[in-house]
């Protein structure tokens, strides 16, 4: 579904975000990173994109990048509990 939406309108960043969330759940982290980077390029940089990219970086062992994205997500939305939890994990 999201791939079709992207094919119809590749400028809509939310389609990239939603497909990336599915890819993370399927443990396709590198592919999710591509979509999350596209979402940012297309004009999105909200806490959900940054949080999910932080998770994907964490799952691929890119700890510094994960910490930065999770911290940036918290700057936008300080009450994002999942970001606090994951940022604490990557700071170990």
N, C-alpha and C. Protein backbone atom coordinates (compact mmCIF):
# COMPACT_ATOMS: atom_id res chain seq x y z
N UNK A 1 0.82 -1.20 0.00
CA UNK A 1 0.00 0.00 0.00
C UNK A 1 0.86 1.26 0.00
N UNK A 2 1.84 1.34 0.91
CA UNK A 2 2.67 2.54 0.99
C UNK A 2 3.56 2.67 -0.24
N UNK A 3 4.01 1.56 -0.77
CA UNK A 3 4.83 1.62 -1.99
C UNK A 3 4.02 2.20 -3.14
N UNK A 4 2.76 1.85 -3.22
CA UNK A 4 1.89 2.40 -4.27
C UNK A 4 1.69 3.90 -4.05
N UNK A 5 1.49 4.29 -2.79
CA UNK A 5 1.33 5.72 -2.49
C UNK A 5 2.58 6.50 -2.87
N UNK A 6 3.76 5.93 -2.60
CA UNK A 6 5.01 6.59 -2.95
C UNK A 6 5.16 6.68 -4.47
N UNK A 7 4.76 5.62 -5.18
CA UNK A 7 4.83 5.63 -6.64
C UNK A 7 3.93 6.71 -7.22
N UNK A 8 2.77 6.92 -6.60
CA UNK A 8 1.83 7.94 -7.08
C UNK A 8 2.26 9.36 -6.73
N UNK A 9 2.90 9.52 -5.56
CA UNK A 9 3.32 10.86 -5.11
C UNK A 9 4.56 10.71 -4.25
N UNK A 10 5.72 10.72 -4.88
CA UNK A 10 6.97 10.48 -4.16
C UNK A 10 7.37 11.66 -3.28
N UNK A 11 6.63 12.75 -3.33
CA UNK A 11 6.95 13.91 -2.51
C UNK A 11 6.27 13.92 -1.16
N UNK A 12 5.46 12.93 -0.88
CA UNK A 12 4.68 12.90 0.36
C UNK A 12 5.46 12.13 1.42
N UNK A 13 6.05 12.84 2.37
CA UNK A 13 6.96 12.22 3.32
C UNK A 13 6.30 11.22 4.26
N UNK A 14 5.00 11.38 4.55
CA UNK A 14 4.35 10.47 5.48
C UNK A 14 4.28 9.03 4.95
N UNK A 15 4.20 8.87 3.65
CA UNK A 15 4.21 7.52 3.07
C UNK A 15 5.53 6.83 3.33
N UNK A 16 6.63 7.58 3.21
CA UNK A 16 7.94 7.02 3.52
C UNK A 16 8.04 6.64 5.00
N UNK A 17 7.54 7.52 5.87
CA UNK A 17 7.57 7.23 7.31
C UNK A 17 6.78 5.97 7.63
N UNK A 18 5.59 5.87 7.12
CA UNK A 18 4.74 4.72 7.44
C UNK A 18 5.32 3.42 6.88
N UNK A 19 5.88 3.48 5.68
CA UNK A 19 6.51 2.27 5.15
C UNK A 19 7.74 1.90 5.98
N UNK A 20 8.49 2.89 6.43
CA UNK A 20 9.66 2.62 7.27
C UNK A 20 9.25 1.95 8.59
N UNK A 21 8.15 2.37 9.17
CA UNK A 21 7.68 1.74 10.41
C UNK A 21 7.38 0.27 10.18
N UNK A 22 6.75 -0.04 9.06
CA UNK A 22 6.48 -1.45 8.71
C UNK A 22 7.79 -2.20 8.52
N UNK A 23 8.74 -1.58 7.84
CA UNK A 23 10.04 -2.23 7.60
C UNK A 23 10.78 -2.49 8.91
N UNK A 24 10.69 -1.57 9.85
CA UNK A 24 11.32 -1.79 11.16
C UNK A 24 10.68 -2.99 11.85
N UNK A 25 9.37 -3.07 11.80
CA UNK A 25 8.68 -4.21 12.42
C UNK A 25 9.08 -5.53 11.76
N UNK A 26 9.40 -5.47 10.47
CA UNK A 26 9.85 -6.66 9.75
C UNK A 26 11.35 -6.89 9.88
N UNK A 27 12.02 -6.02 10.64
CA UNK A 27 13.46 -6.08 10.89
C UNK A 27 14.29 -5.85 9.63
N UNK A 28 13.79 -5.02 8.74
CA UNK A 28 14.53 -4.59 7.55
C UNK A 28 15.05 -3.18 7.81
N UNK A 29 16.03 -3.09 8.69
CA UNK A 29 16.46 -1.80 9.22
C UNK A 29 17.16 -0.93 8.19
N UNK A 30 17.99 -1.49 7.34
CA UNK A 30 18.68 -0.68 6.33
C UNK A 30 17.69 -0.09 5.33
N UNK A 31 16.71 -0.87 4.93
CA UNK A 31 15.68 -0.36 4.02
C UNK A 31 14.84 0.71 4.71
N UNK A 32 14.58 0.52 6.00
CA UNK A 32 13.83 1.53 6.76
C UNK A 32 14.61 2.84 6.81
N UNK A 33 15.93 2.74 7.00
CA UNK A 33 16.76 3.95 7.02
C UNK A 33 16.67 4.72 5.71
N UNK A 34 16.65 4.02 4.60
CA UNK A 34 16.50 4.69 3.30
C UNK A 34 15.19 5.48 3.24
N UNK A 35 14.11 4.86 3.68
CA UNK A 35 12.81 5.54 3.67
C UNK A 35 12.77 6.71 4.64
N UNK A 36 13.37 6.54 5.81
CA UNK A 36 13.37 7.63 6.79
C UNK A 36 14.21 8.80 6.31
N UNK A 37 15.32 8.51 5.66
CA UNK A 37 16.13 9.59 5.07
C UNK A 37 15.36 10.29 3.96
N UNK A 38 14.62 9.53 3.16
CA UNK A 38 13.77 10.13 2.13
C UNK A 38 12.68 10.99 2.75
N UNK A 39 12.09 10.54 3.84
CA UNK A 39 11.05 11.31 4.52
C UNK A 39 11.60 12.67 4.96
N UNK A 40 12.81 12.67 5.49
CA UNK A 40 13.43 13.93 5.91
C UNK A 40 13.72 14.80 4.69
N UNK A 41 14.23 14.20 3.62
CA UNK A 41 14.52 14.95 2.39
C UNK A 41 13.26 15.58 1.80
N UNK A 42 12.13 14.90 1.98
CA UNK A 42 10.87 15.38 1.40
C UNK A 42 10.19 16.42 2.27
N UNK A 43 10.83 16.80 3.36
CA UNK A 43 10.28 17.90 4.15
C UNK A 43 9.83 17.54 5.55
N UNK A 44 9.96 16.31 5.93
CA UNK A 44 9.56 15.93 7.28
C UNK A 44 10.76 15.83 8.19
N UNK A 45 10.61 16.30 9.38
CA UNK A 45 11.64 16.08 10.40
C UNK A 45 10.98 16.13 11.77
N UNK A 46 9.84 15.49 11.87
CA UNK A 46 9.13 15.49 13.13
C UNK A 46 9.69 14.43 14.07
N UNK A 47 9.19 14.41 15.28
CA UNK A 47 9.73 13.49 16.29
C UNK A 47 9.55 12.03 15.91
N UNK A 48 8.51 11.69 15.16
CA UNK A 48 8.30 10.29 14.79
C UNK A 48 9.34 9.81 13.78
N UNK A 49 9.68 10.66 12.84
CA UNK A 49 10.73 10.29 11.88
C UNK A 49 12.06 10.14 12.61
N UNK A 50 12.40 11.11 13.43
CA UNK A 50 13.67 11.06 14.14
C UNK A 50 13.73 9.88 15.11
N UNK A 51 12.63 9.63 15.82
CA UNK A 51 12.59 8.50 16.74
C UNK A 51 12.79 7.18 15.99
N UNK A 52 12.05 6.99 14.93
CA UNK A 52 12.15 5.73 14.19
C UNK A 52 13.50 5.57 13.52
N UNK A 53 14.08 6.66 13.04
CA UNK A 53 15.42 6.55 12.46
C UNK A 53 16.43 6.23 13.56
N UNK A 54 16.22 6.80 14.75
CA UNK A 54 17.09 6.46 15.87
C UNK A 54 17.01 4.99 16.22
N UNK A 55 15.82 4.43 16.20
CA UNK A 55 15.65 3.00 16.46
C UNK A 55 16.35 2.17 15.38
N UNK A 56 16.18 2.56 14.12
CA UNK A 56 16.82 1.81 13.04
C UNK A 56 18.34 1.90 13.15
N UNK A 57 18.85 3.07 13.49
CA UNK A 57 20.30 3.19 13.70
C UNK A 57 20.75 2.31 14.87
N UNK A 58 19.96 2.30 15.93
CA UNK A 58 20.28 1.47 17.09
C UNK A 58 20.34 -0.01 16.70
N UNK A 59 19.39 -0.45 15.92
CA UNK A 59 19.33 -1.86 15.52
C UNK A 59 20.44 -2.25 14.56
N UNK A 60 21.06 -1.25 13.92
CA UNK A 60 22.18 -1.54 13.02
C UNK A 60 23.53 -1.23 13.66
N UNK A 61 23.50 -0.91 14.95
CA UNK A 61 24.75 -0.68 15.68
C UNK A 61 25.38 0.69 15.46
N UNK A 62 24.64 1.62 14.91
CA UNK A 62 25.14 2.98 14.68
C UNK A 62 24.74 3.85 15.88
N UNK A 63 25.47 3.64 16.96
CA UNK A 63 25.08 4.18 18.27
C UNK A 63 25.10 5.70 18.32
N UNK A 64 26.12 6.35 17.77
CA UNK A 64 26.19 7.82 17.82
C UNK A 64 25.05 8.46 17.04
N UNK A 65 24.76 7.90 15.87
CA UNK A 65 23.65 8.42 15.07
C UNK A 65 22.32 8.18 15.77
N UNK A 66 22.19 7.03 16.40
CA UNK A 66 20.96 6.72 17.14
C UNK A 66 20.77 7.72 18.27
N UNK A 67 21.82 7.95 19.05
CA UNK A 67 21.74 8.87 20.18
C UNK A 67 21.35 10.27 19.71
N UNK A 68 21.93 10.73 18.59
CA UNK A 68 21.61 12.06 18.09
C UNK A 68 20.15 12.16 17.67
N UNK A 69 19.66 11.19 16.91
CA UNK A 69 18.26 11.26 16.46
C UNK A 69 17.29 11.15 17.63
N UNK A 70 17.58 10.28 18.58
CA UNK A 70 16.69 10.14 19.73
C UNK A 70 16.69 11.43 20.56
N UNK A 71 17.86 12.04 20.71
CA UNK A 71 17.94 13.31 21.44
C UNK A 71 17.18 14.41 20.70
N UNK A 72 17.32 14.45 19.38
CA UNK A 72 16.60 15.46 18.59
C UNK A 72 15.09 15.25 18.68
N UNK A 73 14.65 14.00 18.69
CA UNK A 73 13.22 13.72 18.84
C UNK A 73 12.72 14.24 20.19
N UNK A 74 13.54 14.09 21.21
CA UNK A 74 13.16 14.57 22.55
C UNK A 74 13.14 16.09 22.64
N UNK A 75 13.95 16.76 21.84
CA UNK A 75 13.89 18.23 21.81
C UNK A 75 12.55 18.71 21.26
N UNK A 76 12.01 17.96 20.31
CA UNK A 76 10.72 18.32 19.72
C UNK A 76 9.58 17.91 20.63
N UNK A 77 9.68 16.70 21.19
CA UNK A 77 8.60 16.17 22.04
C UNK A 77 9.21 15.56 23.30
N UNK A 78 9.40 16.37 24.33
CA UNK A 78 10.09 15.89 25.55
C UNK A 78 9.37 14.78 26.30
N UNK A 79 8.11 14.56 26.04
CA UNK A 79 7.38 13.50 26.77
C UNK A 79 7.29 12.20 25.98
N UNK A 80 8.14 12.03 24.99
CA UNK A 80 8.15 10.80 24.19
C UNK A 80 8.91 9.71 24.95
N UNK A 81 8.18 8.95 25.74
CA UNK A 81 8.78 7.98 26.66
C UNK A 81 9.67 6.96 25.96
N UNK A 82 9.24 6.49 24.79
CA UNK A 82 10.03 5.49 24.08
C UNK A 82 11.40 6.03 23.70
N UNK A 83 11.45 7.30 23.36
CA UNK A 83 12.74 7.91 23.00
C UNK A 83 13.65 8.00 24.22
N UNK A 84 13.09 8.34 25.38
CA UNK A 84 13.90 8.35 26.61
C UNK A 84 14.47 6.98 26.89
N UNK A 85 13.63 5.96 26.78
CA UNK A 85 14.06 4.59 27.06
C UNK A 85 15.19 4.16 26.12
N UNK A 86 14.97 4.38 24.83
CA UNK A 86 15.98 3.95 23.85
C UNK A 86 17.25 4.78 23.93
N UNK A 87 17.12 6.07 24.24
CA UNK A 87 18.33 6.88 24.38
C UNK A 87 19.15 6.41 25.58
N UNK A 88 18.48 6.04 26.65
CA UNK A 88 19.22 5.50 27.81
C UNK A 88 19.92 4.22 27.43
N UNK A 89 19.30 3.40 26.61
CA UNK A 89 19.90 2.15 26.17
C UNK A 89 21.17 2.39 25.35
N UNK A 90 21.12 3.35 24.42
CA UNK A 90 22.29 3.59 23.55
C UNK A 90 23.40 4.32 24.28
N UNK A 91 23.12 4.92 25.42
CA UNK A 91 24.15 5.63 26.17
C UNK A 91 24.94 4.73 27.09
N UNK A 92 24.58 3.46 27.16
CA UNK A 92 25.32 2.52 28.03
C UNK A 92 26.73 2.34 27.57
